[in-house]
Each structure stands twice: as C-alpha cells, then as structure tokens.
Amino acid sequence: GKTLQVGDDLVKELKKNDNFKWNFVDSHEKAIKGLNNEDYYLVVEIPKNFSKNASTVLEKHPKKSNLKYYTNPGANYAASQIANNAIIKLKDSVSKEVTKNYAEVIFDNFKTIAKGLDQASDGAKKIDDGTKSAKDGSTKLKDNLAKLAEGTLTYSEGVHQ
C-alpha cells in the first residue's frame, strides 16, 4: 500500500552529493552523446521499472533493480577510475536504500502480524469462555434431564395408581 520512489530518491541524493559534478539529462541519447564527446566520464541510467522492481523484494520471484552504467573506454585512466569508484558507491547507496525500504516493509508487516495475533488471542479467549459456558450448560441440561426423567417416572407411577 505504499509508493516506493527509489529512483527519485537516488536522484535527490545525487543532486545533494558534492563529491562528483553530476549532470542530469532527460534522455538516453543525450547521455550517450555526452559520454562519447567526453563531456561525461560515466553515464548512470535509472530504468523506468527501477522502483517497481525494488518493490518486488517480498514477492515469491523478486526482480532485480539494476542501474545501467556506461563508461567511455577511450577516456583517460584517471577518468575511468573515478567512474569505477562512482559505480561502486552508487551500487552501495542503492543497495542501502532498497534494504531500508525492505526493512520498513518487514517491520510494518510484523506490526500487522502482532495486531492479528492479539486479535486471535482475544478470539481464542472468547472461544474458551464459550466452550466453558457450553460445558456448564451441558451439565445443567444433563442434571435437569435426569430430574425430568425422575419426575416423569413419579408421574407415571402416580397415574398408574
């Protein structure tokens, strides 16, 4: 019932990050063109299904939320090292974000489970109380049926006399 915006959260974090000079473009083509022109050392593409895949973490068959990384092999050695370090840090950041969201969902589910167990406990107590009441009623019924049988026998004997 919650909306995950892992991709948007990542972009917000990158915009706040001063370790790299990030440029944000609105198309794959612009990004690759900038990479080929050596305007960028690295292109990080967030797929459209990124957050949706992250939300499948609790499903039977979860889907990976992979960022797409592009580097320019023709760029200088220092640039490639910077790009590789950025990739490692981004993967770590995304992993932490998905793990945080996963933990929040799990803890929310535990709260729901705890509430359900509390309700089940209340229900079990009511069933127990009802069973005791039914047992008491059954005992009274048995006793009264015995009295009725006795009274019927007495009545029958009196009618016979």
N, C-alpha and C. Protein backbone atom coordinates (compact mmCIF):
# COMPACT_ATOMS: atom_id res chain seq x y z
N GLY A 1 0.80 -1.21 0.00
CA GLY A 1 0.00 0.00 0.00
C GLY A 1 0.84 1.27 0.00
N LYS A 2 2.13 1.14 -0.09
CA LYS A 2 3.00 2.33 -0.08
C LYS A 2 3.65 2.49 -1.45
N THR A 3 3.99 3.73 -1.77
CA THR A 3 4.66 4.02 -3.03
C THR A 3 6.16 4.12 -2.78
N LEU A 4 6.91 3.34 -3.53
CA LEU A 4 8.37 3.42 -3.45
C LEU A 4 8.86 4.28 -4.60
N GLN A 5 9.78 5.16 -4.29
CA GLN A 5 10.37 6.01 -5.32
C GLN A 5 11.89 5.95 -5.17
N VAL A 6 12.42 4.73 -5.30
CA VAL A 6 13.84 4.51 -5.08
C VAL A 6 14.66 5.30 -6.11
N GLY A 7 14.22 5.31 -7.35
CA GLY A 7 14.92 6.05 -8.39
C GLY A 7 14.93 7.55 -8.12
N ASP A 8 13.77 8.09 -7.77
CA ASP A 8 13.68 9.53 -7.45
C ASP A 8 14.53 9.86 -6.23
N ASP A 9 14.50 8.97 -5.22
CA ASP A 9 15.31 9.19 -4.01
C ASP A 9 16.80 9.20 -4.36
N LEU A 10 17.19 8.32 -5.26
CA LEU A 10 18.59 8.28 -5.68
C LEU A 10 18.99 9.58 -6.37
N VAL A 11 18.15 10.06 -7.26
CA VAL A 11 18.44 11.32 -7.96
C VAL A 11 18.57 12.47 -6.95
N LYS A 12 17.67 12.52 -5.97
CA LYS A 12 17.75 13.58 -4.94
C LYS A 12 19.08 13.51 -4.20
N GLU A 13 19.50 12.29 -3.86
CA GLU A 13 20.76 12.13 -3.14
C GLU A 13 21.94 12.55 -4.01
N LEU A 14 21.90 12.20 -5.29
CA LEU A 14 22.99 12.58 -6.20
C LEU A 14 23.05 14.10 -6.37
N LYS A 15 21.90 14.74 -6.39
CA LYS A 15 21.88 16.20 -6.53
C LYS A 15 22.47 16.88 -5.30
N LYS A 16 22.35 16.24 -4.13
CA LYS A 16 22.92 16.79 -2.91
C LYS A 16 24.41 16.46 -2.77
N ASN A 17 24.89 15.47 -3.53
CA ASN A 17 26.25 14.97 -3.42
C ASN A 17 27.25 15.93 -4.07
N ASP A 18 28.22 16.38 -3.29
CA ASP A 18 29.23 17.30 -3.81
C ASP A 18 30.53 16.60 -4.23
N ASN A 19 30.60 15.29 -4.05
CA ASN A 19 31.82 14.56 -4.40
C ASN A 19 32.05 14.49 -5.91
N PHE A 20 30.98 14.53 -6.67
CA PHE A 20 31.07 14.48 -8.13
C PHE A 20 30.24 15.62 -8.70
N LYS A 21 30.61 16.03 -9.89
CA LYS A 21 29.81 17.04 -10.59
C LYS A 21 28.82 16.26 -11.48
N TRP A 22 27.65 16.04 -10.95
CA TRP A 22 26.64 15.28 -11.68
C TRP A 22 25.90 16.20 -12.64
N ASN A 23 25.65 15.67 -13.83
CA ASN A 23 24.79 16.35 -14.82
C ASN A 23 23.58 15.45 -15.03
N PHE A 24 22.44 16.04 -15.07
CA PHE A 24 21.21 15.27 -15.25
C PHE A 24 20.61 15.61 -16.60
N VAL A 25 20.40 14.58 -17.41
CA VAL A 25 19.80 14.78 -18.73
C VAL A 25 18.54 13.96 -18.81
N ASP A 26 17.67 14.31 -19.74
CA ASP A 26 16.36 13.67 -19.80
C ASP A 26 16.24 12.56 -20.84
N SER A 27 17.35 12.20 -21.50
CA SER A 27 17.23 11.09 -22.46
C SER A 27 18.53 10.29 -22.52
N HIS A 28 18.36 9.05 -22.88
CA HIS A 28 19.48 8.12 -23.04
C HIS A 28 20.43 8.64 -24.14
N GLU A 29 19.84 9.14 -25.20
CA GLU A 29 20.64 9.60 -26.35
C GLU A 29 21.56 10.76 -25.95
N LYS A 30 21.02 11.73 -25.21
CA LYS A 30 21.84 12.87 -24.77
C LYS A 30 22.99 12.40 -23.88
N ALA A 31 22.69 11.47 -23.01
CA ALA A 31 23.70 10.97 -22.08
C ALA A 31 24.83 10.27 -22.84
N ILE A 32 24.48 9.41 -23.78
CA ILE A 32 25.49 8.66 -24.54
C ILE A 32 26.29 9.62 -25.43
N LYS A 33 25.61 10.60 -26.00
CA LYS A 33 26.32 11.60 -26.82
C LYS A 33 27.35 12.35 -25.96
N GLY A 34 26.95 12.75 -24.75
CA GLY A 34 27.87 13.43 -23.83
C GLY A 34 29.03 12.54 -23.43
N LEU A 35 28.77 11.25 -23.28
CA LEU A 35 29.82 10.29 -22.93
C LEU A 35 30.80 10.16 -24.09
N ASN A 36 30.27 10.03 -25.30
CA ASN A 36 31.13 9.88 -26.48
C ASN A 36 31.93 11.15 -26.77
N ASN A 37 31.39 12.30 -26.44
CA ASN A 37 32.10 13.57 -26.64
C ASN A 37 33.06 13.85 -25.48
N GLU A 38 33.12 12.92 -24.52
CA GLU A 38 33.94 13.04 -23.32
C GLU A 38 33.54 14.24 -22.47
N ASP A 39 32.25 14.60 -22.54
CA ASP A 39 31.70 15.59 -21.62
C ASP A 39 31.48 14.94 -20.25
N TYR A 40 31.21 13.63 -20.27
CA TYR A 40 30.96 12.85 -19.07
C TYR A 40 31.93 11.68 -19.02
N TYR A 41 32.31 11.29 -17.81
CA TYR A 41 33.14 10.10 -17.62
C TYR A 41 32.29 8.84 -17.47
N LEU A 42 31.07 9.07 -17.05
CA LEU A 42 30.20 7.96 -16.69
C LEU A 42 28.76 8.36 -16.92
N VAL A 43 27.97 7.42 -17.40
CA VAL A 43 26.52 7.62 -17.51
C VAL A 43 25.87 6.57 -16.62
N VAL A 44 24.99 7.05 -15.76
CA VAL A 44 24.20 6.17 -14.91
C VAL A 44 22.76 6.33 -15.35
N GLU A 45 22.19 5.25 -15.82
CA GLU A 45 20.80 5.28 -16.29
C GLU A 45 19.92 4.54 -15.30
N ILE A 46 18.88 5.22 -14.87
CA ILE A 46 17.90 4.60 -13.97
C ILE A 46 16.73 4.12 -14.83
N PRO A 47 16.57 2.80 -14.98
CA PRO A 47 15.48 2.28 -15.81
C PRO A 47 14.10 2.68 -15.29
N LYS A 48 13.14 2.77 -16.18
CA LYS A 48 11.78 3.17 -15.80
C LYS A 48 11.17 2.23 -14.76
N ASN A 49 11.53 0.94 -14.80
CA ASN A 49 10.95 -0.05 -13.88
C ASN A 49 11.78 -0.22 -12.61
N PHE A 50 12.69 0.69 -12.35
CA PHE A 50 13.64 0.56 -11.24
C PHE A 50 12.92 0.45 -9.88
N SER A 51 12.07 1.40 -9.56
CA SER A 51 11.36 1.38 -8.27
C SER A 51 10.35 0.23 -8.23
N LYS A 52 9.70 -0.03 -9.35
CA LYS A 52 8.73 -1.13 -9.40
C LYS A 52 9.42 -2.44 -9.07
N ASN A 53 10.60 -2.67 -9.66
CA ASN A 53 11.34 -3.89 -9.37
C ASN A 53 11.78 -3.95 -7.91
N ALA A 54 12.17 -2.81 -7.35
CA ALA A 54 12.57 -2.77 -5.95
C ALA A 54 11.42 -3.16 -5.04
N SER A 55 10.20 -2.88 -5.46
CA SER A 55 9.03 -3.19 -4.63
C SER A 55 8.69 -4.68 -4.65
N THR A 56 9.33 -5.46 -5.51
CA THR A 56 9.04 -6.90 -5.58
C THR A 56 9.87 -7.71 -4.59
N VAL A 57 10.61 -7.03 -3.72
CA VAL A 57 11.54 -7.71 -2.82
C VAL A 57 10.85 -8.75 -1.93
N LEU A 58 9.57 -8.56 -1.62
CA LEU A 58 8.84 -9.51 -0.77
C LEU A 58 8.07 -10.56 -1.56
N GLU A 59 8.11 -10.47 -2.87
CA GLU A 59 7.35 -11.42 -3.69
C GLU A 59 8.10 -12.73 -3.82
N LYS A 60 7.39 -13.73 -4.32
CA LYS A 60 7.98 -15.07 -4.48
C LYS A 60 9.16 -15.03 -5.45
N HIS A 61 9.03 -14.24 -6.51
CA HIS A 61 10.10 -14.11 -7.50
C HIS A 61 10.47 -12.63 -7.65
N PRO A 62 11.30 -12.12 -6.72
CA PRO A 62 11.67 -10.69 -6.80
C PRO A 62 12.49 -10.40 -8.05
N LYS A 63 12.36 -9.16 -8.55
CA LYS A 63 13.10 -8.74 -9.73
C LYS A 63 14.23 -7.82 -9.29
N LYS A 64 15.34 -7.89 -9.99
CA LYS A 64 16.48 -7.04 -9.66
C LYS A 64 16.22 -5.61 -10.11
N SER A 65 16.72 -4.69 -9.29
CA SER A 65 16.65 -3.27 -9.63
C SER A 65 18.04 -2.83 -10.04
N ASN A 66 18.37 -3.03 -11.28
CA ASN A 66 19.72 -2.72 -11.75
C ASN A 66 19.79 -1.35 -12.41
N LEU A 67 20.78 -0.58 -11.97
CA LEU A 67 21.11 0.64 -12.68
C LEU A 67 21.93 0.22 -13.89
N LYS A 68 21.90 1.05 -14.92
CA LYS A 68 22.72 0.77 -16.11
C LYS A 68 23.88 1.76 -16.09
N TYR A 69 25.08 1.24 -16.24
CA TYR A 69 26.28 2.07 -16.21
C TYR A 69 26.96 2.02 -17.57
N TYR A 70 27.37 3.18 -18.04
CA TYR A 70 28.11 3.26 -19.29
C TYR A 70 29.37 4.10 -19.04
N THR A 71 30.50 3.59 -19.48
CA THR A 71 31.74 4.35 -19.39
C THR A 71 32.34 4.45 -20.79
N ASN A 72 33.24 5.39 -20.95
CA ASN A 72 33.90 5.56 -22.24
C ASN A 72 35.30 4.96 -22.13
N PRO A 73 35.52 3.80 -22.77
CA PRO A 73 36.82 3.15 -22.67
C PRO A 73 37.95 4.01 -23.25
N GLY A 74 37.61 4.96 -24.10
CA GLY A 74 38.62 5.82 -24.69
C GLY A 74 39.05 6.94 -23.76
N ALA A 75 38.34 7.12 -22.66
CA ALA A 75 38.67 8.19 -21.72
C ALA A 75 39.97 7.85 -20.99
N ASN A 76 40.57 8.83 -20.35
CA ASN A 76 41.86 8.59 -19.69
C ASN A 76 41.70 7.70 -18.46
N TYR A 77 42.84 7.20 -17.98
CA TYR A 77 42.87 6.25 -16.87
C TYR A 77 42.24 6.85 -15.60
N ALA A 78 42.57 8.06 -15.27
CA ALA A 78 42.02 8.70 -14.07
C ALA A 78 40.50 8.79 -14.16
N ALA A 79 40.00 9.15 -15.33
CA ALA A 79 38.55 9.25 -15.51
C ALA A 79 37.89 7.89 -15.33
N SER A 80 38.51 6.83 -15.84
CA SER A 80 37.91 5.50 -15.70
C SER A 80 37.91 5.06 -14.25
N GLN A 81 38.95 5.43 -13.48
CA GLN A 81 39.00 5.09 -12.06
C GLN A 81 37.92 5.84 -11.29
N ILE A 82 37.74 7.10 -11.63
CA ILE A 82 36.69 7.90 -10.99
C ILE A 82 35.32 7.27 -11.28
N ALA A 83 35.12 6.89 -12.54
CA ALA A 83 33.84 6.27 -12.92
C ALA A 83 33.62 4.96 -12.17
N ASN A 84 34.66 4.14 -12.07
CA ASN A 84 34.52 2.85 -11.37
C ASN A 84 34.22 3.06 -9.89
N ASN A 85 34.87 4.05 -9.27
CA ASN A 85 34.58 4.35 -7.86
C ASN A 85 33.15 4.86 -7.69
N ALA A 86 32.71 5.67 -8.63
CA ALA A 86 31.33 6.18 -8.57
C ALA A 86 30.33 5.03 -8.68
N ILE A 87 30.60 4.09 -9.56
CA ILE A 87 29.71 2.93 -9.74
C ILE A 87 29.62 2.14 -8.43
N ILE A 88 30.76 1.89 -7.80
CA ILE A 88 30.77 1.14 -6.54
C ILE A 88 29.95 1.87 -5.48
N LYS A 89 30.15 3.17 -5.36
CA LYS A 89 29.41 3.95 -4.35
C LYS A 89 27.92 3.99 -4.65
N LEU A 90 27.56 4.10 -5.93
CA LEU A 90 26.14 4.13 -6.29
C LEU A 90 25.47 2.80 -5.98
N LYS A 91 26.15 1.71 -6.34
CA LYS A 91 25.58 0.38 -6.07
C LYS A 91 25.34 0.22 -4.57
N ASP A 92 26.31 0.67 -3.77
CA ASP A 92 26.18 0.57 -2.33
C ASP A 92 25.01 1.43 -1.83
N SER A 93 24.90 2.64 -2.35
CA SER A 93 23.83 3.55 -1.95
C SER A 93 22.46 2.98 -2.29
N VAL A 94 22.33 2.46 -3.50
CA VAL A 94 21.05 1.88 -3.93
C VAL A 94 20.72 0.65 -3.08
N SER A 95 21.72 -0.17 -2.84
CA SER A 95 21.51 -1.36 -2.02
C SER A 95 21.01 -0.98 -0.63
N LYS A 96 21.61 0.05 -0.04
CA LYS A 96 21.17 0.50 1.29
C LYS A 96 19.74 1.02 1.24
N GLU A 97 19.39 1.76 0.19
CA GLU A 97 18.03 2.30 0.07
C GLU A 97 17.00 1.18 -0.05
N VAL A 98 17.29 0.19 -0.89
CA VAL A 98 16.36 -0.93 -1.06
C VAL A 98 16.26 -1.72 0.25
N THR A 99 17.40 -1.94 0.91
CA THR A 99 17.40 -2.66 2.18
C THR A 99 16.59 -1.91 3.23
N LYS A 100 16.74 -0.58 3.27
CA LYS A 100 15.99 0.24 4.22
C LYS A 100 14.49 0.10 3.96
N ASN A 101 14.10 0.20 2.69
CA ASN A 101 12.67 0.05 2.34
C ASN A 101 12.17 -1.34 2.69
N TYR A 102 12.99 -2.35 2.41
CA TYR A 102 12.64 -3.74 2.72
C TYR A 102 12.40 -3.89 4.23
N ALA A 103 13.34 -3.35 5.03
CA ALA A 103 13.22 -3.45 6.48
C ALA A 103 11.95 -2.76 6.97
N GLU A 104 11.64 -1.58 6.40
CA GLU A 104 10.42 -0.86 6.80
C GLU A 104 9.18 -1.69 6.50
N VAL A 105 9.15 -2.32 5.34
CA VAL A 105 8.00 -3.15 4.96
C VAL A 105 7.90 -4.35 5.91
N ILE A 106 9.04 -4.98 6.19
CA ILE A 106 9.04 -6.14 7.08
C ILE A 106 8.54 -5.73 8.48
N PHE A 107 9.06 -4.63 9.01
CA PHE A 107 8.62 -4.20 10.34
C PHE A 107 7.15 -3.82 10.35
N ASP A 108 6.67 -3.19 9.27
CA ASP A 108 5.24 -2.88 9.18
C ASP A 108 4.44 -4.17 9.19
N ASN A 109 4.94 -5.20 8.48
CA ASN A 109 4.25 -6.49 8.45
C ASN A 109 4.26 -7.14 9.83
N PHE A 110 5.38 -6.99 10.56
CA PHE A 110 5.42 -7.54 11.92
C PHE A 110 4.38 -6.86 12.80
N LYS A 111 4.22 -5.54 12.64
CA LYS A 111 3.20 -4.83 13.41
C LYS A 111 1.82 -5.38 13.09
N THR A 112 1.57 -5.60 11.80
CA THR A 112 0.28 -6.14 11.36
C THR A 112 0.08 -7.54 11.92
N ILE A 113 1.15 -8.36 11.86
CA ILE A 113 1.08 -9.73 12.39
C ILE A 113 0.81 -9.69 13.89
N ALA A 114 1.52 -8.81 14.60
CA ALA A 114 1.33 -8.70 16.05
C ALA A 114 -0.11 -8.31 16.38
N LYS A 115 -0.65 -7.36 15.62
CA LYS A 115 -2.04 -6.93 15.83
C LYS A 115 -2.98 -8.11 15.55
N GLY A 116 -2.69 -8.86 14.49
CA GLY A 116 -3.51 -10.03 14.15
C GLY A 116 -3.43 -11.11 15.23
N LEU A 117 -2.21 -11.32 15.76
CA LEU A 117 -2.06 -12.31 16.83
C LEU A 117 -2.81 -11.87 18.09
N ASP A 118 -2.79 -10.59 18.37
CA ASP A 118 -3.52 -10.06 19.52
C ASP A 118 -5.02 -10.31 19.34
N GLN A 119 -5.51 -10.05 18.13
CA GLN A 119 -6.93 -10.29 17.85
C GLN A 119 -7.24 -11.78 17.93
N ALA A 120 -6.32 -12.62 17.43
CA ALA A 120 -6.52 -14.07 17.50
C ALA A 120 -6.55 -14.54 18.94
N SER A 121 -5.68 -13.94 19.77
CA SER A 121 -5.66 -14.28 21.20
C SER A 121 -7.00 -13.92 21.85
N ASP A 122 -7.51 -12.73 21.53
CA ASP A 122 -8.82 -12.32 22.06
C ASP A 122 -9.90 -13.29 21.60
N GLY A 123 -9.83 -13.67 20.35
CA GLY A 123 -10.81 -14.61 19.80
C GLY A 123 -10.71 -15.97 20.46
N ALA A 124 -9.49 -16.43 20.70
CA ALA A 124 -9.29 -17.73 21.36
C ALA A 124 -9.85 -17.70 22.78
N LYS A 125 -9.67 -16.56 23.47
CA LYS A 125 -10.22 -16.42 24.83
C LYS A 125 -11.75 -16.50 24.79
N LYS A 126 -12.35 -15.83 23.80
CA LYS A 126 -13.81 -15.87 23.67
C LYS A 126 -14.28 -17.29 23.39
N ILE A 127 -13.54 -17.99 22.54
CA ILE A 127 -13.90 -19.39 22.24
C ILE A 127 -13.79 -20.23 23.51
N ASP A 128 -12.72 -20.02 24.28
CA ASP A 128 -12.53 -20.75 25.53
C ASP A 128 -13.67 -20.46 26.50
N ASP A 129 -14.00 -19.17 26.64
CA ASP A 129 -15.12 -18.79 27.52
C ASP A 129 -16.42 -19.43 27.03
N GLY A 130 -16.63 -19.41 25.72
CA GLY A 130 -17.84 -20.01 25.15
C GLY A 130 -17.89 -21.52 25.37
N THR A 131 -16.74 -22.17 25.27
CA THR A 131 -16.67 -23.62 25.48
C THR A 131 -17.00 -23.95 26.94
N LYS A 132 -16.44 -23.15 27.86
CA LYS A 132 -16.75 -23.37 29.30
C LYS A 132 -18.24 -23.16 29.55
N SER A 133 -18.79 -22.13 28.95
CA SER A 133 -20.21 -21.84 29.12
C SER A 133 -21.06 -22.99 28.55
N ALA A 134 -20.66 -23.49 27.39
CA ALA A 134 -21.39 -24.60 26.77
C ALA A 134 -21.28 -25.86 27.64
N LYS A 135 -20.11 -26.08 28.24
CA LYS A 135 -19.91 -27.24 29.12
C LYS A 135 -20.82 -27.11 30.35
N ASP A 136 -20.83 -25.91 30.95
CA ASP A 136 -21.70 -25.68 32.12
C ASP A 136 -23.16 -25.89 31.73
N GLY A 137 -23.54 -25.37 30.58
CA GLY A 137 -24.92 -25.53 30.12
C GLY A 137 -25.25 -27.00 29.87
N SER A 138 -24.28 -27.72 29.33
CA SER A 138 -24.47 -29.14 29.05
C SER A 138 -24.67 -29.91 30.36
N THR A 139 -23.89 -29.55 31.38
CA THR A 139 -24.02 -30.21 32.69
C THR A 139 -25.40 -29.92 33.28
N LYS A 140 -25.84 -28.66 33.22
CA LYS A 140 -27.17 -28.30 33.74
C LYS A 140 -28.26 -29.04 32.98
N LEU A 141 -28.10 -29.14 31.68
CA LEU A 141 -29.08 -29.84 30.85
C LEU A 141 -29.17 -31.31 31.26
N LYS A 142 -28.00 -31.94 31.46
CA LYS A 142 -27.96 -33.35 31.87
C LYS A 142 -28.66 -33.53 33.21
N ASP A 143 -28.31 -32.65 34.18
CA ASP A 143 -28.92 -32.73 35.52
C ASP A 143 -30.44 -32.55 35.44
N ASN A 144 -30.88 -31.57 34.67
CA ASN A 144 -32.32 -31.30 34.55
C ASN A 144 -33.04 -32.41 33.79
N LEU A 145 -32.37 -33.01 32.81
CA LEU A 145 -32.99 -34.15 32.12
C LEU A 145 -33.16 -35.33 33.08
N ALA A 146 -32.18 -35.51 33.96
CA ALA A 146 -32.30 -36.58 34.97
C ALA A 146 -33.49 -36.30 35.88
N LYS A 147 -33.63 -35.02 36.32
CA LYS A 147 -34.77 -34.65 37.17
C LYS A 147 -36.08 -34.87 36.42
N LEU A 148 -36.09 -34.50 35.14
CA LEU A 148 -37.29 -34.69 34.32
C LEU A 148 -37.63 -36.18 34.21
N ALA A 149 -36.60 -36.99 34.01
CA ALA A 149 -36.85 -38.42 33.91
C ALA A 149 -37.41 -38.96 35.21
N GLU A 150 -36.85 -38.50 36.33
CA GLU A 150 -37.35 -38.91 37.65
C GLU A 150 -38.80 -38.46 37.85
N GLY A 151 -39.06 -37.21 37.48
CA GLY A 151 -40.41 -36.67 37.63
C GLY A 151 -41.38 -37.41 36.73
N THR A 152 -40.95 -37.74 35.53
CA THR A 152 -41.82 -38.47 34.60
C THR A 152 -42.13 -39.85 35.17
N LEU A 153 -41.13 -40.50 35.76
CA LEU A 153 -41.33 -41.82 36.36
C LEU A 153 -42.32 -41.71 37.53
N THR A 154 -42.13 -40.69 38.38
CA THR A 154 -43.03 -40.47 39.51
C THR A 154 -44.44 -40.21 39.01
N TYR A 155 -44.58 -39.36 37.98
CA TYR A 155 -45.84 -39.04 37.39
C TYR A 155 -46.51 -40.32 36.85
N SER A 156 -45.71 -41.09 36.14
CA SER A 156 -46.19 -42.32 35.53
C SER A 156 -46.71 -43.30 36.58
N GLU A 157 -45.96 -43.40 37.70
CA GLU A 157 -46.37 -44.29 38.79
C GLU A 157 -47.66 -43.76 39.43
N GLY A 158 -47.74 -42.45 39.57
CA GLY A 158 -48.94 -41.86 40.18
C GLY A 158 -50.15 -42.06 39.29
N VAL A 159 -49.99 -41.95 37.98
CA VAL A 159 -51.08 -42.15 37.05
C VAL A 159 -51.52 -43.63 37.13
N HIS A 160 -50.54 -44.50 37.23
CA HIS A 160 -50.84 -45.92 37.27
C HIS A 160 -51.66 -46.26 38.52
N GLN A 161 -51.32 -45.66 39.65
CA GLN A 161 -52.06 -45.95 40.90
C GLN A 161 -53.46 -45.37 40.78
